[in-house]
C-alpha atoms as a PDB file:
ATOM      1  CA  MET A   1      -5.905  -4.613  39.528  1.00  0.00           C
ATOM      2  CA  PHE A   2      -7.100  -3.209  36.222  1.00  0.00           C
ATOM      3  CA  SER A   3      -7.803   0.202  37.806  1.00  0.00           C
ATOM      4  CA  GLU A   4      -4.117   0.408  38.752  1.00  0.00           C
ATOM      5  CA  VAL A   5      -3.184  -0.480  35.172  1.00  0.00           C
ATOM      6  CA  ALA A   6      -5.441   2.291  33.864  1.00  0.00           C
ATOM      7  CA  ARG A   7      -3.959   4.815  36.313  1.00  0.00           C
ATOM      8  CA  VAL A   8      -0.395   4.045  35.221  1.00  0.00           C
ATOM      9  CA  ILE A   9      -1.309   4.266  31.535  1.00  0.00           C
ATOM     10  CA  VAL A  10      -2.926   7.693  31.985  1.00  0.00           C
ATOM     11  CA  GLU A  11       0.207   8.935  33.749  1.00  0.00           C
ATOM     12  CA  LYS A  12       2.431   7.642  30.980  1.00  0.00           C
ATOM     13  CA  LEU A  13       0.215   9.191  28.322  1.00  0.00           C
ATOM     14  CA  SER A  14       0.584  12.572  30.008  1.00  0.00           C
ATOM     15  CA  ASN A  15       4.362  12.214  29.954  1.00  0.00           C
ATOM     16  CA  VAL A  16       4.552  11.589  26.191  1.00  0.00           C
ATOM     17  CA  ASN A  17       2.145  14.361  25.151  1.00  0.00           C
ATOM     18  CA  LEU A  18       4.932  16.859  24.425  1.00  0.00           C
ATOM     19  CA  LEU A  19       6.882  14.354  22.336  1.00  0.00           C
ATOM     20  CA  THR A  20       3.739  13.434  20.433  1.00  0.00           C
ATOM     21  CA  LEU A  21       2.874  17.047  19.666  1.00  0.00           C
ATOM     22  CA  GLY A  22       6.410  17.680  18.421  1.00  0.00           C
ATOM     23  CA  LEU A  23       6.336  14.656  16.115  1.00  0.00           C
ATOM     24  CA  LEU A  24       2.897  15.589  14.791  1.00  0.00           C
ATOM     25  CA  PHE A  25       4.060  19.155  14.077  1.00  0.00           C
ATOM     26  CA  LEU A  26       7.152  17.952  12.180  1.00  0.00           C
ATOM     27  CA  THR A  27       5.033  15.460  10.222  1.00  0.00           C
ATOM     28  CA  ALA A  28       2.518  18.157   9.260  1.00  0.00           C
ATOM     29  CA  LEU A  29       5.248  20.600   8.252  1.00  0.00           C
ATOM     30  CA  GLY A  30       7.082  17.989   6.203  1.00  0.00           C
ATOM     31  CA  SER A  31       3.857  16.958   4.473  1.00  0.00           C
ATOM     32  CA  ALA A  32       3.043  20.578   3.610  1.00  0.00           C
ATOM     33  CA  VAL A  33       6.504  21.052   2.071  1.00  0.00           C
ATOM     34  CA  ILE A  34       6.245  17.832   0.056  1.00  0.00           C
ATOM     35  CA  ALA A  35       2.725  18.613  -1.185  1.00  0.00           C
ATOM     36  CA  TYR A  36       3.749  22.164  -2.123  1.00  0.00           C
ATOM     37  CA  TRP A  37       6.888  21.022  -3.932  1.00  0.00           C
ATOM     38  CA  ARG A  38       4.919  18.512  -6.007  1.00  0.00           C
ATOM     39  CA  THR A  39       2.051  20.887  -6.791  1.00  0.00           C
ATOM     40  CA  VAL A  40       3.425  24.379  -7.413  1.00  0.00           C
ATOM     41  CA  GLU A  41       5.694  25.088 -10.363  1.00  0.00           C
ATOM     42  CA  HIS A  42       7.000  28.577  -9.461  1.00  0.00           C
ATOM     43  CA  LYS A  43       7.943  28.416  -5.808  1.00  0.00           C
ATOM     44  CA  SER A  44       8.425  31.106  -3.180  1.00  0.00           C
ATOM     45  CA  ILE A  45       8.098  31.394   0.585  1.00  0.00           C
ATOM     46  CA  ARG A  46       4.977  33.544   0.270  1.00  0.00           C
ATOM     47  CA  ASP A  47       3.377  31.065  -2.132  1.00  0.00           C
ATOM     48  CA  PHE A  48       4.183  28.256   0.296  1.00  0.00           C
ATOM     49  CA  PHE A  49       2.260  29.940   3.098  1.00  0.00           C
ATOM     50  CA  ASP A  50      -0.630  30.673   0.718  1.00  0.00           C
ATOM     51  CA  PHE A  51      -0.636  26.996  -0.238  1.00  0.00           C
ATOM     52  CA  ALA A  52      -0.342  25.663   3.322  1.00  0.00           C
ATOM     53  CA  PHE A  53      -2.861  28.115   4.813  1.00  0.00           C
ATOM     54  CA  PRO A  54      -5.285  29.107   2.035  1.00  0.00           C
ATOM     55  CA  ALA A  55      -7.655  31.856   3.131  1.00  0.00           C
ATOM     56  CA  GLU A  56     -10.699  30.073   1.719  1.00  0.00           C
ATOM     57  CA  VAL A  57      -9.946  27.172   4.085  1.00  0.00           C
ATOM     58  CA  ILE A  58      -8.647  28.932   7.187  1.00  0.00           C
ATOM     59  CA  LEU A  59     -11.469  31.526   7.219  1.00  0.00           C
ATOM     60  CA  HIS A  60     -14.247  29.081   6.350  1.00  0.00           C
ATOM     61  CA  PRO A  61     -17.105  28.769   8.926  1.00  0.00           C
ATOM     62  CA  SER A  62     -16.336  25.054   9.137  1.00  0.00           C
ATOM     63  CA  ALA A  63     -12.739  25.822  10.205  1.00  0.00           C
ATOM     64  CA  ARG A  64     -13.994  28.237  12.852  1.00  0.00           C
ATOM     65  CA  ALA A  65     -16.352  25.550  14.149  1.00  0.00           C
ATOM     66  CA  ASP A  66     -13.421  23.104  14.273  1.00  0.00           C
ATOM     67  CA  VAL A  67     -11.427  25.492  16.450  1.00  0.00           C
ATOM     68  CA  LEU A  68     -14.277  26.070  18.908  1.00  0.00           C
ATOM     69  CA  PHE A  69     -15.083  22.378  19.037  1.00  0.00           C
ATOM     70  CA  TRP A  70     -11.415  21.441  19.546  1.00  0.00           C
ATOM     71  CA  VAL A  71     -11.000  23.877  22.445  1.00  0.00           C
ATOM     72  CA  THR A  72     -14.127  22.698  24.266  1.00  0.00           C
ATOM     73  CA  LYS A  73     -13.265  19.024  23.762  1.00  0.00           C
ATOM     74  CA  ARG A  74      -9.744  19.568  25.135  1.00  0.00           C
ATOM     75  CA  LEU A  75     -11.402  20.565  28.400  1.00  0.00           C
ATOM     76  CA  MET A  76     -13.263  17.237  28.515  1.00  0.00           C
ATOM     77  CA  MET A  77     -10.478  14.852  27.463  1.00  0.00           C
ATOM     78  CA  PRO A  78      -8.572  14.562  30.773  1.00  0.00           C
ATOM     79  CA  PHE A  79     -11.780  13.817  32.677  1.00  0.00           C
ATOM     80  CA  LEU A  80     -13.582  11.477  30.303  1.00  0.00           C
ATOM     81  CA  LEU A  81     -12.128  10.129  27.083  1.00  0.00           C
ATOM     82  CA  ILE A  82      -8.530   9.161  27.910  1.00  0.00           C
ATOM     83  CA  PRO A  83      -9.377   7.498  31.264  1.00  0.00           C
ATOM     84  CA  ALA A  84     -12.380   5.747  29.689  1.00  0.00           C
ATOM     85  CA  GLY A  85     -10.367   4.378  26.784  1.00  0.00           C
ATOM     86  CA  VAL A  86      -7.581   2.852  28.833  1.00  0.00           C
ATOM     87  CA  THR A  87      -9.963   1.641  31.547  1.00  0.00           C
ATOM     88  CA  PHE A  88     -12.051  -0.376  29.069  1.00  0.00           C
ATOM     89  CA  VAL A  89      -8.945  -2.007  27.566  1.00  0.00           C
ATOM     90  CA  ALA A  90      -7.552  -2.722  31.021  1.00  0.00           C
ATOM     91  CA  ALA A  91     -10.877  -4.129  32.270  1.00  0.00           C
ATOM     92  CA  VAL A  92     -11.400  -6.495  29.322  1.00  0.00           C
ATOM     93  CA  GLY A  93      -7.717  -7.424  29.411  1.00  0.00           C
ATOM     94  CA  TYR A  94      -7.930  -8.273  33.093  1.00  0.00           C
ATOM     95  CA  GLY A  95     -11.084 -10.325  32.512  1.00  0.00           C
ATOM     96  CA  THR A  96      -9.429 -12.199  29.649  1.00  0.00           C
ATOM     97  CA  HIS A  97      -6.321 -12.767  31.769  1.00  0.00           C
ATOM     98  CA  GLN A  98      -8.388 -14.270  34.582  1.00  0.00           C
ATOM     99  CA  ALA A  99     -10.668 -16.364  32.360  1.00  0.00           C
ATOM    100  CA  VAL A 100      -7.973 -17.836  30.103  1.00  0.00           C
ATOM    101  CA  GLY A 101      -5.622 -18.321  33.039  1.00  0.00           C
ATOM    102  CA  TRP A 102      -8.326 -20.248  34.900  1.00  0.00           C
ATOM    103  CA  LEU A 103      -9.294 -22.272  31.819  1.00  0.00           C
ATOM    104  CA  PHE A 104      -5.737 -23.396  31.060  1.00  0.00           C
ATOM    105  CA  ASP A 105      -4.455 -23.296  34.651  1.00  0.00           C
ATOM    106  CA  ILE A 106      -1.903 -20.554  33.919  1.00  0.00           C
ATOM    107  CA  HIS A 107      -0.856 -18.580  36.989  1.00  0.00           C
ATOM    108  CA  ALA A 108       2.228 -16.770  35.681  1.00  0.00           C
ATOM    109  CA  PRO A 109       3.475 -15.554  32.276  1.00  0.00           C
ATOM    110  CA  LEU A 110       4.604 -18.468  30.121  1.00  0.00           C
ATOM    111  CA  ILE A 111       7.811 -16.614  29.239  1.00  0.00           C
ATOM    112  CA  GLY A 112       9.509 -15.403  32.410  1.00  0.00           C
ATOM    113  CA  GLY A 113      11.745 -12.395  32.906  1.00  0.00           C
ATOM    114  CA  PRO A 114      11.577  -8.925  31.380  1.00  0.00           C
ATOM    115  CA  ALA A 115      10.317  -8.632  27.816  1.00  0.00           C
ATOM    116  CA  GLY A 116      13.014  -8.429  25.167  1.00  0.00           C
ATOM    117  CA  PRO A 117      12.949  -6.234  22.039  1.00  0.00           C
ATOM    118  CA  VAL A 118      11.553  -9.012  19.810  1.00  0.00           C
ATOM    119  CA  THR A 119       8.665  -9.609  22.201  1.00  0.00           C
ATOM    120  CA  ILE A 120       7.948  -5.885  22.398  1.00  0.00           C
ATOM    121  CA  VAL A 121       7.948  -5.531  18.594  1.00  0.00           C
ATOM    122  CA  ILE A 122       5.632  -8.519  18.100  1.00  0.00           C
ATOM    123  CA  PHE A 123       3.326  -7.332  20.869  1.00  0.00           C
ATOM    124  CA  THR A 124       3.169  -3.811  19.423  1.00  0.00           C
ATOM    125  CA  ALA A 125       2.376  -5.165  15.938  1.00  0.00           C
ATOM    126  CA  THR A 126      -0.425  -7.414  17.205  1.00  0.00           C
ATOM    127  CA  MET A 127      -1.918  -4.614  19.297  1.00  0.00           C
ATOM    128  CA  LEU A 128      -1.846  -2.251  16.312  1.00  0.00           C
ATOM    129  CA  ILE A 129      -3.658  -4.853  14.218  1.00  0.00           C
ATOM    130  CA  ALA A 130      -6.179  -5.456  17.015  1.00  0.00           C
ATOM    131  CA  TYR A 131      -6.882  -1.728  17.368  1.00  0.00           C
ATOM    132  CA  ASP A 132      -7.157  -1.307  13.606  1.00  0.00           C
ATOM    133  CA  ILE A 133      -9.622  -4.106  12.859  1.00  0.00           C
ATOM    134  CA  SER A 134     -11.618  -2.956  15.889  1.00  0.00           C
ATOM    135  CA  TYR A 135     -11.819   0.564  14.460  1.00  0.00           C
ATOM    136  CA  TYR A 136     -12.660  -0.681  10.946  1.00  0.00           C
ATOM    137  CA  LEU A 137     -15.631  -2.729  12.180  1.00  0.00           C
ATOM    138  CA  TYR A 138     -16.977   0.109  14.317  1.00  0.00           C
ATOM    139  CA  HIS A 139     -16.472   2.635  11.510  1.00  0.00           C
ATOM    140  CA  VAL A 140     -18.472   0.497   9.075  1.00  0.00           C
ATOM    141  CA  ALA A 141     -21.236   0.226  11.692  1.00  0.00           C
ATOM    142  CA  GLN A 142     -21.254   4.021  12.075  1.00  0.00           C
ATOM    143  CA  HIS A 143     -22.119   4.386   8.406  1.00  0.00           C
ATOM    144  CA  HIS A 144     -24.772   1.683   8.289  1.00  0.00           C
ATOM    145  CA  PHE A 145     -26.784   2.130  11.485  1.00  0.00           C
ATOM    146  CA  PRO A 146     -28.816   5.382  11.665  1.00  0.00           C
ATOM    147  CA  PHE A 147     -28.424   5.611  15.455  1.00  0.00           C
ATOM    148  CA  LEU A 148     -24.614   5.634  15.183  1.00  0.00           C
ATOM    149  CA  TRP A 149     -24.603   7.713  12.017  1.00  0.00           C
ATOM    150  CA  GLU A 150     -26.228  10.682  13.743  1.00  0.00           C
ATOM    151  CA  LEU A 151     -23.139  10.954  15.942  1.00  0.00           C
ATOM    152  CA  HIS A 152     -20.641  10.231  13.170  1.00  0.00           C
ATOM    153  CA  LYS A 153     -22.172  12.943  10.966  1.00  0.00           C
ATOM    154  CA  VAL A 154     -20.409  15.446  13.198  1.00  0.00           C
ATOM    155  CA  HIS A 155     -17.074  14.294  11.792  1.00  0.00           C
ATOM    156  CA  HIS A 156     -18.301  14.305   8.195  1.00  0.00           C
ATOM    157  CA  SER A 157     -19.923  17.720   8.502  1.00  0.00           C
ATOM    158  CA  ALA A 158     -16.551  19.460   8.038  1.00  0.00           C
ATOM    159  CA  GLU A 159     -16.603  21.293   4.710  1.00  0.00           C
ATOM    160  CA  VAL A 160     -12.892  22.093   4.823  1.00  0.00           C
ATOM    161  CA  MET A 161     -10.067  20.090   6.384  1.00  0.00           C
ATOM    162  CA  VAL A 162      -7.748  21.947   8.766  1.00  0.00           C
ATOM    163  CA  GLY A 163      -5.853  19.248  10.627  1.00  0.00           C
ATOM    164  CA  ILE A 164      -7.744  19.522  13.911  1.00  0.00           C
ATOM    165  CA  THR A 165     -10.742  18.288  11.930  1.00  0.00           C
ATOM    166  CA  LYS A 166      -9.462  14.894  13.107  1.00  0.00           C
ATOM    167  CA  ASP A 167     -10.921  15.752  16.522  1.00  0.00           C
ATOM    168  CA  ARG A 168     -14.297  16.831  15.127  1.00  0.00           C
ATOM    169  CA  VAL A 169     -15.859  13.795  16.782  1.00  0.00           C
ATOM    170  CA  HIS A 170     -18.799  13.973  19.161  1.00  0.00           C
ATOM    171  CA  PRO A 171     -17.729  13.121  22.742  1.00  0.00           C
ATOM    172  CA  LEU A 172     -20.376  10.395  22.988  1.00  0.00           C
ATOM    173  CA  ASP A 173     -19.129   8.928  19.701  1.00  0.00           C
ATOM    174  CA  ASP A 174     -15.585   9.048  21.082  1.00  0.00           C
ATOM    175  CA  LEU A 175     -16.681   7.343  24.287  1.00  0.00           C
ATOM    176  CA  MET A 176     -18.597   4.590  22.476  1.00  0.00           C
ATOM    177  CA  ASN A 177     -15.621   4.031  20.180  1.00  0.00           C
ATOM    178  CA  ARG A 178     -13.305   3.708  23.192  1.00  0.00           C
ATOM    179  CA  MET A 179     -15.722   1.240  24.784  1.00  0.00           C
ATOM    180  CA  TRP A 180     -15.726  -0.878  21.627  1.00  0.00           C
ATOM    181  CA  ASP A 181     -11.945  -0.506  21.425  1.00  0.00           C
ATOM    182  CA  GLY A 182     -11.771  -2.312  24.739  1.00  0.00           C
ATOM    183  CA  VAL A 183     -13.164  -5.539  23.273  1.00  0.00           C
ATOM    184  CA  ILE A 184     -10.745  -6.790  20.592  1.00  0.00           C
ATOM    185  CA  PRO A 185      -7.640  -4.927  21.828  1.00  0.00           C
ATOM    186  CA  GLY A 186      -8.615  -5.795  25.401  1.00  0.00           C
ATOM    187  CA  ILE A 187      -8.729  -9.513  24.620  1.00  0.00           C
ATOM    188  CA  CYS A 188      -5.372  -9.236  22.835  1.00  0.00           C
ATOM    189  CA  PHE A 189      -4.035  -7.337  25.849  1.00  0.00           C
ATOM    190  CA  GLY A 190      -5.186 -10.072  28.244  1.00  0.00           C
ATOM    191  CA  ILE A 191      -3.730 -12.931  26.213  1.00  0.00           C
ATOM    192  CA  TRP A 192      -0.355 -11.190  26.011  1.00  0.00           C
ATOM    193  CA  SER A 193      -0.332 -10.712  29.778  1.00  0.00           C
ATOM    194  CA  LEU A 194      -0.443 -14.518  30.071  1.00  0.00           C
ATOM    195  CA  ILE A 195       2.229 -15.115  27.459  1.00  0.00           C
ATOM    196  CA  ALA A 196       5.109 -12.862  28.362  1.00  0.00           C
ATOM    197  CA  LEU A 197       4.348  -9.484  29.872  1.00  0.00           C
ATOM    198  CA  ASP A 198       3.124  -7.860  33.024  1.00  0.00           C
ATOM    199  CA  PRO A 199      -0.187  -6.026  32.293  1.00  0.00           C
ATOM    200  CA  VAL A 200       1.201  -2.602  33.188  1.00  0.00           C
ATOM    201  CA  GLU A 201       4.311  -3.191  31.078  1.00  0.00           C
ATOM    202  CA  ILE A 202       2.419  -4.287  27.969  1.00  0.00           C
ATOM    203  CA  ALA A 203       0.182  -1.228  28.185  1.00  0.00           C
ATOM    204  CA  ILE A 204       3.230   1.036  28.074  1.00  0.00           C
ATOM    205  CA  PHE A 205       6.104  -0.630  26.146  1.00  0.00           C
ATOM    206  CA  GLY A 206       8.026   2.613  26.065  1.00  0.00           C
ATOM    207  CA  ILE A 207       5.497   4.556  23.986  1.00  0.00           C
ATOM    208  CA  ASN A 208       1.791   3.857  24.193  1.00  0.00           C
ATOM    209  CA  VAL A 209       0.251   2.032  21.238  1.00  0.00           C
ATOM    210  CA  TYR A 210      -2.217   4.896  20.700  1.00  0.00           C
ATOM    211  CA  VAL A 211       0.704   7.275  20.182  1.00  0.00           C
ATOM    212  CA  ILE A 212       2.478   4.934  17.758  1.00  0.00           C
ATOM    213  CA  ARG A 213      -0.724   4.423  15.797  1.00  0.00           C
ATOM    214  CA  ASN A 214      -1.467   8.155  15.586  1.00  0.00           C
ATOM    215  CA  ILE A 215       2.038   8.961  14.359  1.00  0.00           C
ATOM    216  CA  LEU A 216       2.018   6.217  11.725  1.00  0.00           C
ATOM    217  CA  MET A 217      -1.422   7.047  10.338  1.00  0.00           C
ATOM    218  CA  MET A 218      -0.672  10.807  10.112  1.00  0.00           C
ATOM    219  CA  ASP A 219      -4.146  11.628  11.411  1.00  0.00           C
ATOM    220  CA  PHE A 220      -3.527  15.385  11.414  1.00  0.00           C
ATOM    221  CA  VAL A 221      -2.223  15.394   7.821  1.00  0.00           C
ATOM    222  CA  ARG A 222      -5.015  13.193   6.484  1.00  0.00           C
ATOM    223  CA  HIS A 223      -7.472  15.834   7.684  1.00  0.00           C
ATOM    224  CA  THR A 224      -5.878  18.613   5.615  1.00  0.00           C
ATOM    225  CA  HIS A 225      -6.005  19.438   1.893  1.00  0.00           C
ATOM    226  CA  PHE A 226      -2.508  17.998   1.301  1.00  0.00           C
ATOM    227  CA  LYS A 227      -2.701  15.139  -1.207  1.00  0.00           C
ATOM    228  CA  ILE A 228      -0.031  12.923   0.339  1.00  0.00           C
ATOM    229  CA  SER A 229       0.472   9.430  -1.094  1.00  0.00           C
ATOM    230  CA  PHE A 230       2.863   6.714   0.088  1.00  0.00           C
ATOM    231  CA  GLY A 231       3.340   5.098  -3.325  1.00  0.00           C
ATOM    232  CA  PRO A 232       3.646   1.283  -3.122  1.00  0.00           C
ATOM    233  CA  LEU A 233       3.269   1.503   0.672  1.00  0.00           C
ATOM    234  CA  ASN A 234      -0.380   2.486   0.073  1.00  0.00           C
ATOM    235  CA  ASN A 235      -1.079  -1.244  -0.186  1.00  0.00           C
ATOM    236  CA  ILE A 236      -0.334  -1.528   3.535  1.00  0.00           C
ATOM    237  CA  ILE A 237      -0.734   1.920   5.114  1.00  0.00           C
ATOM    238  CA  LEU A 238      -3.739   4.122   4.334  1.00  0.00           C
ATOM    239  CA  CYS A 239      -2.279   7.368   2.985  1.00  0.00           C
ATOM    240  CA  PRO A 240      -3.845  10.797   3.713  1.00  0.00           C
ATOM    241  CA  HIS A 241      -5.202  11.235   0.170  1.00  0.00           C
ATOM    242  CA  TRP A 242      -7.055   7.925   0.331  1.00  0.00           C
ATOM    243  CA  HIS A 243      -8.634   8.894   3.654  1.00  0.00           C
ATOM    244  CA  GLN A 244      -9.679  12.252   2.213  1.00  0.00           C
ATOM    245  CA  VAL A 245     -11.740  10.242  -0.299  1.00  0.00           C
ATOM    246  CA  HIS A 246     -13.710   8.966   2.679  1.00  0.00           C
ATOM    247  CA  HIS A 247     -14.860  12.545   3.387  1.00  0.00           C
ATOM    248  CA  SER A 248     -15.790  13.301  -0.238  1.00  0.00           C
ATOM    249  CA  ILE A 249     -19.362  14.118  -1.281  1.00  0.00           C
ATOM    250  CA  ASP A 250     -18.858  12.387  -4.647  1.00  0.00           C
ATOM    251  CA  PRO A 251     -21.299   9.419  -4.736  1.00  0.00           C
ATOM    252  CA  ARG A 252     -18.481   7.236  -6.103  1.00  0.00           C
ATOM    253  CA  HIS A 253     -16.734   7.640  -2.752  1.00  0.00           C
ATOM    254  CA  TYR A 254     -19.637   6.714  -0.454  1.00  0.00           C
ATOM    255  CA  ASP A 255     -18.756   3.954   2.026  1.00  0.00           C
ATOM    256  CA  LYS A 256     -15.143   3.713   0.879  1.00  0.00           C
ATOM    257  CA  ASN A 257     -11.774   3.690   2.659  1.00  0.00           C
ATOM    258  CA  PHE A 258     -12.965   3.000   6.200  1.00  0.00           C
ATOM    259  CA  GLY A 259      -9.507   2.020   7.430  1.00  0.00           C
ATOM    260  CA  LEU A 260      -7.601   3.856  10.127  1.00  0.00           C
ATOM    261  CA  LEU A 261      -3.947   2.838   9.829  1.00  0.00           C
ATOM    262  CA  PHE A 262      -3.913  -0.173   7.515  1.00  0.00           C
ATOM    263  CA  SER A 263      -5.402  -0.117   4.015  1.00  0.00           C
ATOM    264  CA  PHE A 264      -5.702  -3.869   3.532  1.00  0.00           C
ATOM    265  CA  TRP A 265      -8.964  -4.138   5.490  1.00  0.00           C
ATOM    266  CA  ASP A 266     -10.721  -2.088   2.784  1.00  0.00           C
ATOM    267  CA  ARG A 267      -9.176  -4.198   0.051  1.00  0.00           C
ATOM    268  CA  LEU A 268     -10.135  -7.408   1.888  1.00  0.00           C
ATOM    269  CA  PHE A 269     -13.766  -6.364   2.469  1.00  0.00           C
ATOM    270  CA  GLY A 270     -14.333  -4.591  -0.864  1.00  0.00           C
ATOM    271  CA  THR A 271     -14.548  -1.012   0.433  1.00  0.00           C
ATOM    272  CA  GLN A 272     -11.392   0.375  -1.152  1.00  0.00           C
ATOM    273  CA  PHE A 273     -11.331   3.300  -3.594  1.00  0.00           C
ATOM    274  CA  VAL A 274      -8.062   4.464  -5.159  1.00  0.00           C
ATOM    275  CA  PRO A 275      -8.235   8.119  -6.282  1.00  0.00           C
ATOM    276  CA  GLU A 276      -6.314   9.663  -9.130  1.00  0.00           C
ATOM    277  CA  PRO A 277      -3.085  11.300  -7.844  1.00  0.00           C
ATOM    278  CA  ASN A 278      -4.339  14.850  -8.497  1.00  0.00           C
ATOM    279  CA  GLU A 279      -8.052  14.208  -7.960  1.00  0.00           C
ATOM    280  CA  ASP A 280      -9.718  17.174  -6.278  1.00  0.00           C
ATOM    281  CA  LEU A 281     -12.259  16.447  -3.588  1.00  0.00           C
ATOM    282  CA  LYS A 282     -15.117  18.399  -2.046  1.00  0.00           C
ATOM    283  CA  PHE A 283     -15.881  17.609   1.584  1.00  0.00           C
ATOM    284  CA  GLY A 284     -18.949  17.754   3.799  1.00  0.00           C
ATOM    285  CA  LEU A 285     -22.511  16.469   3.916  1.00  0.00           C
ATOM    286  CA  ILE A 286     -25.223  16.713   1.285  1.00  0.00           C
ATOM    287  CA  ASP A 287     -28.009  16.849   3.890  1.00  0.00           C
ATOM    288  CA  ARG A 288     -30.355  19.832   3.840  1.00  0.00           C
ATOM    289  CA  ASP A 289     -29.329  20.835   7.358  1.00  0.00           C
ATOM    290  CA  VAL A 290     -25.572  20.699   6.749  1.00  0.00           C
ATOM    291  CA  ARG A 291     -25.166  24.353   7.817  1.00  0.00           C
ATOM    292  CA  ASP A 292     -26.613  23.509  11.227  1.00  0.00           C
ATOM    293  CA  TYR A 293     -23.452  21.536  11.995  1.00  0.00           C
ATOM    294  CA  GLN A 294     -21.170  24.587  11.864  1.00  0.00           C
ATOM    295  CA  SER A 295     -21.919  25.731  15.418  1.00  0.00           C
ATOM    296  CA  LEU A 296     -21.308  24.290  18.872  1.00  0.00           C
ATOM    297  CA  PHE A 297     -25.036  23.630  19.244  1.00  0.00           C
ATOM    298  CA  GLY A 298     -25.058  21.734  15.969  1.00  0.00           C
ATOM    299  CA  LEU A 299     -21.945  19.740  16.854  1.00  0.00           C
ATOM    300  CA  TYR A 300     -22.880  18.841  20.435  1.00  0.00           C
ATOM    301  CA  ILE A 301     -26.682  18.952  20.809  1.00  0.00           C
ATOM    302  CA  LEU A 302     -28.218  18.378  17.366  1.00  0.00           C
ATOM    303  CA  PRO A 303     -26.841  14.810  17.037  1.00  0.00           C
ATOM    304  CA  LEU A 304     -28.307  13.895  20.431  1.00  0.00           C
ATOM    305  CA  LYS A 305     -31.721  15.252  19.414  1.00  0.00           C
ATOM    306  CA  LYS A 306     -31.645  13.237  16.211  1.00  0.00           C
ATOM    307  CA  MET A 307     -30.549  10.114  18.067  1.00  0.00           C
ATOM    308  CA  GLY A 308     -33.453  10.671  20.434  1.00  0.00           C
ATOM    309  CA  GLY A 309     -35.773  10.745  17.430  1.00  0.00           C
ATOM    310  CA  HIS A 310     -34.529   7.320  16.357  1.00  0.00           C
ATOM    311  CA  VAL A 311     -35.093   5.945  19.870  1.00  0.00           C
ATOM    312  CA  VAL A 312     -38.640   7.341  19.976  1.00  0.00           C
ATOM    313  CA  ARG A 313     -39.497   5.818  16.595  1.00  0.00           C
ATOM    314  CA  LEU A 314     -38.017   2.505  17.738  1.00  0.00           C
ATOM    315  CA  PHE A 315     -40.233   2.341  20.814  1.00  0.00           C
ATOM    316  CA  GLN A 316     -43.251   3.470  18.823  1.00  0.00           C
ATOM    317  CA  ARG A 317     -42.713   0.305  16.781  1.00  0.00           C
ATOM    318  CA  ARG A 318     -42.963   1.920  13.381  1.00  0.00           C
ATOM    319  CA  PRO A 319     -40.855  -0.407  11.198  1.00  0.00           C
ATOM    320  CA  ASP A 320     -41.853   1.465   8.049  1.00  0.00           C
ATOM    321  CA  VAL A 321     -40.008   4.515   9.432  1.00  0.00           C
ATOM    322  CA  ILE A 322     -37.119   2.692  11.060  1.00  0.00           C
ATOM    323  CA  ALA A 323     -36.344   0.716   7.926  1.00  0.00           C
ATOM    324  CA  GLN A 324     -35.838   3.853   5.862  1.00  0.00           C
ATOM    325  CA  PRO A 325     -32.141   4.546   5.159  1.00  0.00           C
ATOM    326  CA  GLN A 326     -30.477   7.420   6.976  1.00  0.00           C
ATOM    327  CA  ASP A 327     -29.798  10.760   5.294  1.00  0.00           C
ATOM    328  CA  ARG A 328     -27.275  10.067   2.603  1.00  0.00           C
ATOM    329  CA  SER A 329     -23.938  11.755   3.083  1.00  0.00           C
ATOM    330  CA  PRO A 330     -20.367  11.105   2.051  1.00  0.00           C
ATOM    331  CA  SER A 331     -18.902   8.001   3.633  1.00  0.00           C
END
């Protein structure tokens, strides 16, 4: 059953790709205009393009590595990451559906008939929250466990932010994140299938929850140099400038602003940092081998070698080595 759910979700995701790309482009363009208007006093079209596409960013080795990494990962996505993500959610959801249904003797949705708009809105909100707390917990783990950090360093190794830096994530890290994503959202998925919705329907609800989340959190914009703030809404939604703090090499910003869409998790767990409106940030790692991460070998293979080193030390039972903290880098 859950394999059929996963198949339908993948098909629907393919159908909304064009819409998603269009919305992301308009969001990025609008953000560039807003950031330029707030920053530059004497405005012109040429100055706008210099501001939006500064040569020192676009021509940086880190930007070139982002492009190469993005292209190669695009070739993997249809075969690995998207199917894996939806399959894990569908599998856990199906298991939850069966287990809870058996426990409480529920054999059909408690609310019959097609889902109405109120049900869809409430379901979407709860799924967004489930995805977000799931991501927050995994993200914190990435920064505190050396084994996971070696993979996550790929994302933090970007020394400039060019939008597609959002996809500077090791495929194994992506896969593990999708697997973990299947737990909390999967359980939420399964419970909802018993309350009011058919499993295939709740995975789609018009636009997939991944798409809604990505549009709301402005993932492309938050991985640029545009200092976009949402004002009072920052207390709910994590704005791009606050996420850029997470990539900063300033020690004050280590292990801060882990959130994905919502900012209140950081406030609740004491990991929030609010930057000054015009605070300039420098991105990257402070590790000695930071330059090694600006090539495809460094982005794909080096993290696996370092992870292997942690596994070897673990099996050699050398607690004095294992207990040492990982290389310090911006969090």
